[in-house]
Amino acid sequence: MATIVKTLNLRAASFALHQACSKVLPAISRYEIDPTTPEEKKRHIIHSLCKPLSDCLLGTHESMSYGAALCLKALVDSDNWQFASDNMVNKVC
């Protein structure tokens, strides 16, 4: 996640780069979460993906905030969003 946040923070970050990052997040969640993963671990995975990005939403760097929002939307739209805790849902949505 640190690499994604650093990438979004680049001054030269373009819309295409933001879109690429937004495709990575759901892919990571699909890779990390399978039917045998315990529920608590699923919630932890979603939390660890969302927390750094949700922290970026209110930042002063507009491009980074936009990229973080795009990434979070992609995760919210994914099947694995169902494993997000109520607290994370409230924070992101």
PDB file of N, CA and C in Angstrom:
ATOM      1  N   MET A   1       0.811  -1.191   0.000  1.00  0.00           N
ATOM      2  CA  MET A   1       0.000   0.000   0.000  1.00  0.00           C
ATOM      3  C   MET A   1       0.855   1.255   0.000  1.00  0.00           C
ATOM      4  N   ALA A   2       2.002   1.176   0.616  1.00  0.00           N
ATOM      5  CA  ALA A   2       2.881   2.348   0.648  1.00  0.00           C
ATOM      6  C   ALA A   2       3.268   2.763  -0.771  1.00  0.00           C
ATOM      7  N   THR A   3       3.508   1.794  -1.623  1.00  0.00           N
ATOM      8  CA  THR A   3       3.884   2.099  -3.007  1.00  0.00           C
ATOM      9  C   THR A   3       2.738   2.759  -3.753  1.00  0.00           C
ATOM     10  N   ILE A   4       1.527   2.286  -3.525  1.00  0.00           N
ATOM     11  CA  ILE A   4       0.368   2.893  -4.190  1.00  0.00           C
ATOM     12  C   ILE A   4       0.187   4.325  -3.718  1.00  0.00           C
ATOM     13  N   VAL A   5       0.280   4.558  -2.415  1.00  0.00           N
ATOM     14  CA  VAL A   5       0.126   5.922  -1.884  1.00  0.00           C
ATOM     15  C   VAL A   5       1.228   6.823  -2.418  1.00  0.00           C
ATOM     16  N   LYS A   6       2.465   6.335  -2.471  1.00  0.00           N
ATOM     17  CA  LYS A   6       3.572   7.142  -3.022  1.00  0.00           C
ATOM     18  C   LYS A   6       3.314   7.467  -4.484  1.00  0.00           C
ATOM     19  N   THR A   7       2.806   6.497  -5.221  1.00  0.00           N
ATOM     20  CA  THR A   7       2.520   6.714  -6.642  1.00  0.00           C
ATOM     21  C   THR A   7       1.437   7.771  -6.813  1.00  0.00           C
ATOM     22  N   LEU A   8       0.404   7.700  -6.006  1.00  0.00           N
ATOM     23  CA  LEU A   8      -0.677   8.692  -6.088  1.00  0.00           C
ATOM     24  C   LEU A   8      -0.202  10.081  -5.702  1.00  0.00           C
ATOM     25  N   ASN A   9       0.834  10.147  -4.891  1.00  0.00           N
ATOM     26  CA  ASN A   9       1.351  11.425  -4.403  1.00  0.00           C
ATOM     27  C   ASN A   9       2.299  12.099  -5.397  1.00  0.00           C
ATOM     28  N   LEU A  10       2.671  11.420  -6.453  1.00  0.00           N
ATOM     29  CA  LEU A  10       3.569  12.012  -7.444  1.00  0.00           C
ATOM     30  C   LEU A  10       2.906  13.210  -8.102  1.00  0.00           C
ATOM     31  N   ARG A  11       3.646  14.258  -8.258  1.00  0.00           N
ATOM     32  CA  ARG A  11       3.116  15.458  -8.920  1.00  0.00           C
ATOM     33  C   ARG A  11       2.727  15.170 -10.359  1.00  0.00           C
ATOM     34  N   ALA A  12       3.422  14.239 -10.976  1.00  0.00           N
ATOM     35  CA  ALA A  12       3.162  13.919 -12.376  1.00  0.00           C
ATOM     36  C   ALA A  12       2.122  12.810 -12.534  1.00  0.00           C
ATOM     37  N   ALA A  13       1.455  12.431 -11.437  1.00  0.00           N
ATOM     38  CA  ALA A  13       0.465  11.359 -11.513  1.00  0.00           C
ATOM     39  C   ALA A  13      -0.669  11.768 -12.449  1.00  0.00           C
ATOM     40  N   SER A  14      -0.911  10.960 -13.433  1.00  0.00           N
ATOM     41  CA  SER A  14      -1.938  11.254 -14.422  1.00  0.00           C
ATOM     42  C   SER A  14      -3.191  10.435 -14.142  1.00  0.00           C
ATOM     43  N   PHE A  15      -4.243  10.740 -14.870  1.00  0.00           N
ATOM     44  CA  PHE A  15      -5.486   9.990 -14.740  1.00  0.00           C
ATOM     45  C   PHE A  15      -5.250   8.514 -15.058  1.00  0.00           C
ATOM     46  N   ALA A  16      -4.453   8.232 -16.074  1.00  0.00           N
ATOM     47  CA  ALA A  16      -4.168   6.843 -16.438  1.00  0.00           C
ATOM     48  C   ALA A  16      -3.453   6.105 -15.303  1.00  0.00           C
ATOM     49  N   LEU A  17      -2.556   6.801 -14.631  1.00  0.00           N
ATOM     50  CA  LEU A  17      -1.857   6.201 -13.491  1.00  0.00           C
ATOM     51  C   LEU A  17      -2.827   5.950 -12.344  1.00  0.00           C
ATOM     52  N   HIS A  18      -3.733   6.873 -12.104  1.00  0.00           N
ATOM     53  CA  HIS A  18      -4.745   6.682 -11.071  1.00  0.00           C
ATOM     54  C   HIS A  18      -5.625   5.483 -11.404  1.00  0.00           C
ATOM     55  N   GLN A  19      -6.008   5.356 -12.671  1.00  0.00           N
ATOM     56  CA  GLN A  19      -6.825   4.216 -13.078  1.00  0.00           C
ATOM     57  C   GLN A  19      -6.083   2.903 -12.875  1.00  0.00           C
ATOM     58  N   ALA A  20      -4.813   2.892 -13.186  1.00  0.00           N
ATOM     59  CA  ALA A  20      -4.015   1.680 -13.001  1.00  0.00           C
ATOM     60  C   ALA A  20      -3.967   1.298 -11.525  1.00  0.00           C
ATOM     61  N   CYS A  21      -3.752   2.275 -10.667  1.00  0.00           N
ATOM     62  CA  CYS A  21      -3.736   1.994  -9.224  1.00  0.00           C
ATOM     63  C   CYS A  21      -5.095   1.478  -8.759  1.00  0.00           C
ATOM     64  N   SER A  22      -6.158   2.016  -9.319  1.00  0.00           N
ATOM     65  CA  SER A  22      -7.498   1.586  -8.901  1.00  0.00           C
ATOM     66  C   SER A  22      -7.788   0.153  -9.332  1.00  0.00           C
ATOM     67  N   LYS A  23      -7.094  -0.344 -10.335  1.00  0.00           N
ATOM     68  CA  LYS A  23      -7.269  -1.742 -10.749  1.00  0.00           C
ATOM     69  C   LYS A  23      -6.455  -2.683  -9.873  1.00  0.00           C
ATOM     70  N   VAL A  24      -5.397  -2.167  -9.293  1.00  0.00           N
ATOM     71  CA  VAL A  24      -4.529  -2.988  -8.453  1.00  0.00           C
ATOM     72  C   VAL A  24      -5.219  -3.353  -7.139  1.00  0.00           C
ATOM     73  N   LEU A  25      -5.934  -2.415  -6.552  1.00  0.00           N
ATOM     74  CA  LEU A  25      -6.530  -2.651  -5.241  1.00  0.00           C
ATOM     75  C   LEU A  25      -7.506  -3.830  -5.221  1.00  0.00           C
ATOM     76  N   PRO A  26      -8.492  -3.885  -6.116  1.00  0.00           N
ATOM     77  CA  PRO A  26      -9.372  -5.058  -6.114  1.00  0.00           C
ATOM     78  C   PRO A  26      -8.612  -6.354  -6.435  1.00  0.00           C
ATOM     79  N   ALA A  27      -7.586  -6.251  -7.262  1.00  0.00           N
ATOM     80  CA  ALA A  27      -6.789  -7.445  -7.581  1.00  0.00           C
ATOM     81  C   ALA A  27      -6.069  -7.961  -6.338  1.00  0.00           C
ATOM     82  N   ILE A  28      -5.525  -7.053  -5.544  1.00  0.00           N
ATOM     83  CA  ILE A  28      -4.866  -7.457  -4.297  1.00  0.00           C
ATOM     84  C   ILE A  28      -5.874  -8.139  -3.376  1.00  0.00           C
ATOM     85  N   SER A  29      -7.055  -7.558  -3.266  1.00  0.00           N
ATOM     86  CA  SER A  29      -8.055  -8.150  -2.365  1.00  0.00           C
ATOM     87  C   SER A  29      -8.491  -9.528  -2.870  1.00  0.00           C
ATOM     88  N   ARG A  30      -8.625  -9.690  -4.189  1.00  0.00           N
ATOM     89  CA  ARG A  30      -8.977 -11.011  -4.731  1.00  0.00           C
ATOM     90  C   ARG A  30      -7.885 -12.029  -4.463  1.00  0.00           C
ATOM     91  N   TYR A  31      -6.651 -11.597  -4.556  1.00  0.00           N
ATOM     92  CA  TYR A  31      -5.515 -12.484  -4.331  1.00  0.00           C
ATOM     93  C   TYR A  31      -5.414 -12.889  -2.856  1.00  0.00           C
ATOM     94  N   GLU A  32      -5.649 -11.945  -1.973  1.00  0.00           N
ATOM     95  CA  GLU A  32      -5.478 -12.169  -0.537  1.00  0.00           C
ATOM     96  C   GLU A  32      -6.655 -12.884   0.124  1.00  0.00           C
ATOM     97  N   ILE A  33      -7.858 -12.709  -0.429  1.00  0.00           N
ATOM     98  CA  ILE A  33      -9.056 -13.270   0.202  1.00  0.00           C
ATOM     99  C   ILE A  33      -9.587 -14.414  -0.654  1.00  0.00           C
ATOM    100  N   ASP A  34      -9.681 -15.577  -0.035  1.00  0.00           N
ATOM    101  CA  ASP A  34     -10.311 -16.716  -0.711  1.00  0.00           C
ATOM    102  C   ASP A  34     -11.353 -17.300   0.239  1.00  0.00           C
ATOM    103  N   PRO A  35     -12.166 -18.238  -0.220  1.00  0.00           N
ATOM    104  CA  PRO A  35     -13.241 -18.770   0.631  1.00  0.00           C
ATOM    105  C   PRO A  35     -12.772 -19.372   1.956  1.00  0.00           C
ATOM    106  N   THR A  36     -11.531 -19.811   2.032  1.00  0.00           N
ATOM    107  CA  THR A  36     -11.044 -20.433   3.268  1.00  0.00           C
ATOM    108  C   THR A  36     -10.453 -19.417   4.251  1.00  0.00           C
ATOM    109  N   THR A  37     -10.332 -18.170   3.848  1.00  0.00           N
ATOM    110  CA  THR A  37      -9.782 -17.137   4.730  1.00  0.00           C
ATOM    111  C   THR A  37     -10.763 -16.868   5.869  1.00  0.00           C
ATOM    112  N   PRO A  38     -10.294 -16.880   7.105  1.00  0.00           N
ATOM    113  CA  PRO A  38     -11.179 -16.579   8.246  1.00  0.00           C
ATOM    114  C   PRO A  38     -11.772 -15.163   8.133  1.00  0.00           C
ATOM    115  N   GLU A  39     -12.993 -15.007   8.632  1.00  0.00           N
ATOM    116  CA  GLU A  39     -13.708 -13.731   8.526  1.00  0.00           C
ATOM    117  C   GLU A  39     -12.912 -12.564   9.107  1.00  0.00           C
ATOM    118  N   GLU A  40     -12.313 -12.758  10.263  1.00  0.00           N
ATOM    119  CA  GLU A  40     -11.560 -11.677  10.896  1.00  0.00           C
ATOM    120  C   GLU A  40     -10.379 -11.247  10.026  1.00  0.00           C
ATOM    121  N   LYS A  41      -9.728 -12.207   9.395  1.00  0.00           N
ATOM    122  CA  LYS A  41      -8.607 -11.876   8.511  1.00  0.00           C
ATOM    123  C   LYS A  41      -9.098 -11.137   7.271  1.00  0.00           C
ATOM    124  N   LYS A  42     -10.269 -11.507   6.763  1.00  0.00           N
ATOM    125  CA  LYS A  42     -10.848 -10.801   5.610  1.00  0.00           C
ATOM    126  C   LYS A  42     -11.076  -9.329   5.961  1.00  0.00           C
ATOM    127  N   ARG A  43     -11.647  -9.089   7.150  1.00  0.00           N
ATOM    128  CA  ARG A  43     -11.873  -7.701   7.587  1.00  0.00           C
ATOM    129  C   ARG A  43     -10.555  -6.950   7.729  1.00  0.00           C
ATOM    130  N   HIS A  44      -9.553  -7.640   8.258  1.00  0.00           N
ATOM    131  CA  HIS A  44      -8.244  -7.011   8.435  1.00  0.00           C
ATOM    132  C   HIS A  44      -7.622  -6.653   7.070  1.00  0.00           C
ATOM    133  N   ILE A  45      -7.750  -7.520   6.102  1.00  0.00           N
ATOM    134  CA  ILE A  45      -7.200  -7.261   4.766  1.00  0.00           C
ATOM    135  C   ILE A  45      -7.864  -6.025   4.154  1.00  0.00           C
ATOM    136  N   ILE A  46      -9.182  -5.979   4.209  1.00  0.00           N
ATOM    137  CA  ILE A  46      -9.900  -4.822   3.655  1.00  0.00           C
ATOM    138  C   ILE A  46      -9.500  -3.555   4.411  1.00  0.00           C
ATOM    139  N   HIS A  47      -9.396  -3.643   5.723  1.00  0.00           N
ATOM    140  CA  HIS A  47      -8.981  -2.487   6.518  1.00  0.00           C
ATOM    141  C   HIS A  47      -7.586  -2.013   6.103  1.00  0.00           C
ATOM    142  N   SER A  48      -6.657  -2.956   5.937  1.00  0.00           N
ATOM    143  CA  SER A  48      -5.279  -2.573   5.597  1.00  0.00           C
ATOM    144  C   SER A  48      -5.184  -1.972   4.198  1.00  0.00           C
ATOM    145  N   LEU A  49      -6.114  -2.311   3.323  1.00  0.00           N
ATOM    146  CA  LEU A  49      -6.140  -1.700   1.993  1.00  0.00           C
ATOM    147  C   LEU A  49      -6.783  -0.315   2.030  1.00  0.00           C
ATOM    148  N   CYS A  50      -7.811  -0.161   2.835  1.00  0.00           N
ATOM    149  CA  CYS A  50      -8.575   1.091   2.858  1.00  0.00           C
ATOM    150  C   CYS A  50      -7.952   2.193   3.708  1.00  0.00           C
ATOM    151  N   LYS A  51      -7.397   1.838   4.836  1.00  0.00           N
ATOM    152  CA  LYS A  51      -6.933   2.844   5.806  1.00  0.00           C
ATOM    153  C   LYS A  51      -5.966   3.868   5.217  1.00  0.00           C
ATOM    154  N   PRO A  52      -4.892   3.425   4.539  1.00  0.00           N
ATOM    155  CA  PRO A  52      -3.966   4.435   4.002  1.00  0.00           C
ATOM    156  C   PRO A  52      -4.625   5.352   2.967  1.00  0.00           C
ATOM    157  N   LEU A  53      -5.551   4.802   2.200  1.00  0.00           N
ATOM    158  CA  LEU A  53      -6.215   5.607   1.175  1.00  0.00           C
ATOM    159  C   LEU A  53      -7.248   6.542   1.788  1.00  0.00           C
ATOM    160  N   SER A  54      -7.991   6.059   2.770  1.00  0.00           N
ATOM    161  CA  SER A  54      -8.978   6.935   3.400  1.00  0.00           C
ATOM    162  C   SER A  54      -8.293   8.091   4.126  1.00  0.00           C
ATOM    163  N   ASP A  55      -7.088   7.851   4.630  1.00  0.00           N
ATOM    164  CA  ASP A  55      -6.322   8.930   5.263  1.00  0.00           C
ATOM    165  C   ASP A  55      -5.914  10.000   4.259  1.00  0.00           C
ATOM    166  N   CYS A  56      -5.830   9.641   2.982  1.00  0.00           N
ATOM    167  CA  CYS A  56      -5.419  10.578   1.929  1.00  0.00           C
ATOM    168  C   CYS A  56      -6.572  11.430   1.404  1.00  0.00           C
ATOM    169  N   LEU A  57      -7.796  11.040   1.697  1.00  0.00           N
ATOM    170  CA  LEU A  57      -8.946  11.721   1.103  1.00  0.00           C
ATOM    171  C   LEU A  57      -9.035  13.202   1.451  1.00  0.00           C
ATOM    172  N   LEU A  58      -8.675  13.554   2.659  1.00  0.00           N
ATOM    173  CA  LEU A  58      -8.803  14.946   3.086  1.00  0.00           C
ATOM    174  C   LEU A  58      -7.493  15.710   2.996  1.00  0.00           C
ATOM    175  N   GLY A  59      -6.535  15.148   2.282  1.00  0.00           N
ATOM    176  CA  GLY A  59      -5.247  15.807   2.129  1.00  0.00           C
ATOM    177  C   GLY A  59      -5.339  17.046   1.268  1.00  0.00           C
ATOM    178  N   THR A  60      -4.280  17.821   1.283  1.00  0.00           N
ATOM    179  CA  THR A  60      -4.255  19.069   0.513  1.00  0.00           C
ATOM    180  C   THR A  60      -3.803  18.845  -0.927  1.00  0.00           C
ATOM    181  N   HIS A  61      -3.245  17.702  -1.208  1.00  0.00           N
ATOM    182  CA  HIS A  61      -2.786  17.379  -2.562  1.00  0.00           C
ATOM    183  C   HIS A  61      -3.975  16.818  -3.341  1.00  0.00           C
ATOM    184  N   GLU A  62      -4.575  17.629  -4.184  1.00  0.00           N
ATOM    185  CA  GLU A  62      -5.815  17.275  -4.873  1.00  0.00           C
ATOM    186  C   GLU A  62      -5.682  16.014  -5.726  1.00  0.00           C
ATOM    187  N   SER A  63      -4.578  15.896  -6.427  1.00  0.00           N
ATOM    188  CA  SER A  63      -4.379  14.729  -7.281  1.00  0.00           C
ATOM    189  C   SER A  63      -4.334  13.441  -6.460  1.00  0.00           C
ATOM    190  N   MET A  64      -3.689  13.509  -5.311  1.00  0.00           N
ATOM    191  CA  MET A  64      -3.608  12.339  -4.438  1.00  0.00           C
ATOM    192  C   MET A  64      -4.984  11.979  -3.883  1.00  0.00           C
ATOM    193  N   SER A  65      -5.744  12.983  -3.469  1.00  0.00           N
ATOM    194  CA  SER A  65      -7.098  12.744  -2.957  1.00  0.00           C
ATOM    195  C   SER A  65      -7.975  12.117  -4.023  1.00  0.00           C
ATOM    196  N   TYR A  66      -7.857  12.626  -5.237  1.00  0.00           N
ATOM    197  CA  TYR A  66      -8.641  12.081  -6.345  1.00  0.00           C
ATOM    198  C   TYR A  66      -8.258  10.625  -6.615  1.00  0.00           C
ATOM    199  N   GLY A  67      -6.973  10.348  -6.662  1.00  0.00           N
ATOM    200  CA  GLY A  67      -6.508   8.986  -6.897  1.00  0.00           C
ATOM    201  C   GLY A  67      -6.939   8.034  -5.800  1.00  0.00           C
ATOM    202  N   ALA A  68      -6.874   8.488  -4.550  1.00  0.00           N
ATOM    203  CA  ALA A  68      -7.307   7.660  -3.423  1.00  0.00           C
ATOM    204  C   ALA A  68      -8.796   7.363  -3.518  1.00  0.00           C
ATOM    205  N   ALA A  69      -9.583   8.370  -3.879  1.00  0.00           N
ATOM    206  CA  ALA A  69     -11.030   8.173  -4.032  1.00  0.00           C
ATOM    207  C   ALA A  69     -11.330   7.178  -5.146  1.00  0.00           C
ATOM    208  N   LEU A  70     -10.600   7.266  -6.244  1.00  0.00           N
ATOM    209  CA  LEU A  70     -10.795   6.343  -7.359  1.00  0.00           C
ATOM    210  C   LEU A  70     -10.461   4.908  -6.939  1.00  0.00           C
ATOM    211  N   CYS A  71      -9.377   4.758  -6.204  1.00  0.00           N
ATOM    212  CA  CYS A  71      -8.976   3.428  -5.718  1.00  0.00           C
ATOM    213  C   CYS A  71     -10.012   2.865  -4.747  1.00  0.00           C
ATOM    214  N   LEU A  72     -10.473   3.701  -3.828  1.00  0.00           N
ATOM    215  CA  LEU A  72     -11.464   3.244  -2.854  1.00  0.00           C
ATOM    216  C   LEU A  72     -12.775   2.872  -3.534  1.00  0.00           C
ATOM    217  N   LYS A  73     -13.171   3.640  -4.538  1.00  0.00           N
ATOM    218  CA  LYS A  73     -14.400   3.307  -5.260  1.00  0.00           C
ATOM    219  C   LYS A  73     -14.283   1.944  -5.916  1.00  0.00           C
ATOM    220  N   ALA A  74     -13.125   1.661  -6.491  1.00  0.00           N
ATOM    221  CA  ALA A  74     -12.922   0.355  -7.126  1.00  0.00           C
ATOM    222  C   ALA A  74     -13.042  -0.768  -6.102  1.00  0.00           C
ATOM    223  N   LEU A  75     -12.523  -0.543  -4.908  1.00  0.00           N
ATOM    224  CA  LEU A  75     -12.613  -1.563  -3.864  1.00  0.00           C
ATOM    225  C   LEU A  75     -14.053  -1.698  -3.364  1.00  0.00           C
ATOM    226  N   VAL A  76     -14.739  -0.581  -3.197  1.00  0.00           N
ATOM    227  CA  VAL A  76     -16.137  -0.614  -2.768  1.00  0.00           C
ATOM    228  C   VAL A  76     -16.987  -1.368  -3.791  1.00  0.00           C
ATOM    229  N   ASP A  77     -16.685  -1.213  -5.043  1.00  0.00           N
ATOM    230  CA  ASP A  77     -17.446  -1.883  -6.103  1.00  0.00           C
ATOM    231  C   ASP A  77     -17.085  -3.365  -6.258  1.00  0.00           C
ATOM    232  N   SER A  78     -16.033  -3.807  -5.587  1.00  0.00           N
ATOM    233  CA  SER A  78     -15.604  -5.200  -5.715  1.00  0.00           C
ATOM    234  C   SER A  78     -16.425  -6.117  -4.804  1.00  0.00           C
ATOM    235  N   ASP A  79     -16.394  -7.393  -5.098  1.00  0.00           N
ATOM    236  CA  ASP A  79     -17.111  -8.379  -4.286  1.00  0.00           C
ATOM    237  C   ASP A  79     -16.584  -8.451  -2.864  1.00  0.00           C
ATOM    238  N   ASN A  80     -15.320  -8.163  -2.665  1.00  0.00           N
ATOM    239  CA  ASN A  80     -14.724  -8.290  -1.338  1.00  0.00           C
ATOM    240  C   ASN A  80     -15.081  -7.154  -0.390  1.00  0.00           C
ATOM    241  N   TRP A  81     -15.749  -6.124  -0.887  1.00  0.00           N
ATOM    242  CA  TRP A  81     -16.159  -5.027  -0.007  1.00  0.00           C
ATOM    243  C   TRP A  81     -17.122  -5.531   1.068  1.00  0.00           C
ATOM    244  N   GLN A  82     -17.808  -6.618   0.799  1.00  0.00           N
ATOM    245  CA  GLN A  82     -18.741  -7.184   1.778  1.00  0.00           C
ATOM    246  C   GLN A  82     -18.052  -7.536   3.101  1.00  0.00           C
ATOM    247  N   PHE A  83     -16.730  -7.683   3.081  1.00  0.00           N
ATOM    248  CA  PHE A  83     -15.993  -8.042   4.280  1.00  0.00           C
ATOM    249  C   PHE A  83     -15.512  -6.830   5.077  1.00  0.00           C
ATOM    250  N   ALA A  84     -15.820  -5.647   4.599  1.00  0.00           N
ATOM    251  CA  ALA A  84     -15.414  -4.437   5.324  1.00  0.00           C
ATOM    252  C   ALA A  84     -16.213  -4.331   6.621  1.00  0.00           C
ATOM    253  N   SER A  85     -15.556  -3.862   7.652  1.00  0.00           N
ATOM    254  CA  SER A  85     -16.244  -3.659   8.938  1.00  0.00           C
ATOM    255  C   SER A  85     -17.204  -2.468   8.797  1.00  0.00           C
ATOM    256  N   ASP A  86     -18.174  -2.423   9.689  1.00  0.00           N
ATOM    257  CA  ASP A  86     -19.126  -1.294   9.686  1.00  0.00           C
ATOM    258  C   ASP A  86     -18.394   0.024   9.857  1.00  0.00           C
ATOM    259  N   ASN A  87     -17.376   0.028  10.692  1.00  0.00           N
ATOM    260  CA  ASN A  87     -16.586   1.227  10.930  1.00  0.00           C
ATOM    261  C   ASN A  87     -15.910   1.699   9.642  1.00  0.00           C
ATOM    262  N   MET A  88     -15.327   0.759   8.893  1.00  0.00           N
ATOM    263  CA  MET A  88     -14.656   1.133   7.642  1.00  0.00           C
ATOM    264  C   MET A  88     -15.671   1.607   6.609  1.00  0.00           C
ATOM    265  N   VAL A  89     -16.813   0.970   6.542  1.00  0.00           N
ATOM    266  CA  VAL A  89     -17.863   1.404   5.613  1.00  0.00           C
ATOM    267  C   VAL A  89     -18.240   2.842   5.924  1.00  0.00           C
ATOM    268  N   ASN A  90     -18.456   3.159   7.209  1.00  0.00           N
ATOM    269  CA  ASN A  90     -18.815   4.519   7.595  1.00  0.00           C
ATOM    270  C   ASN A  90     -17.719   5.515   7.264  1.00  0.00           C
ATOM    271  N   LYS A  91     -16.477   5.110   7.457  1.00  0.00           N
ATOM    272  CA  LYS A  91     -15.355   6.019   7.195  1.00  0.00           C
ATOM    273  C   LYS A  91     -15.194   6.304   5.704  1.00  0.00           C
ATOM    274  N   VAL A  92     -15.334   5.281   4.883  1.00  0.00           N
ATOM    275  CA  VAL A  92     -15.102   5.423   3.443  1.00  0.00           C
ATOM    276  C   VAL A  92     -16.330   6.004   2.735  1.00  0.00           C
ATOM    277  N   CYS A  93     -17.491   5.546   3.102  1.00  0.00           N
ATOM    278  CA  CYS A  93     -18.705   5.964   2.385  1.00  0.00           C
ATOM    279  C   CYS A  93     -19.325   7.182   3.029  1.00  0.00           C
TER     280      CYS A  93
END
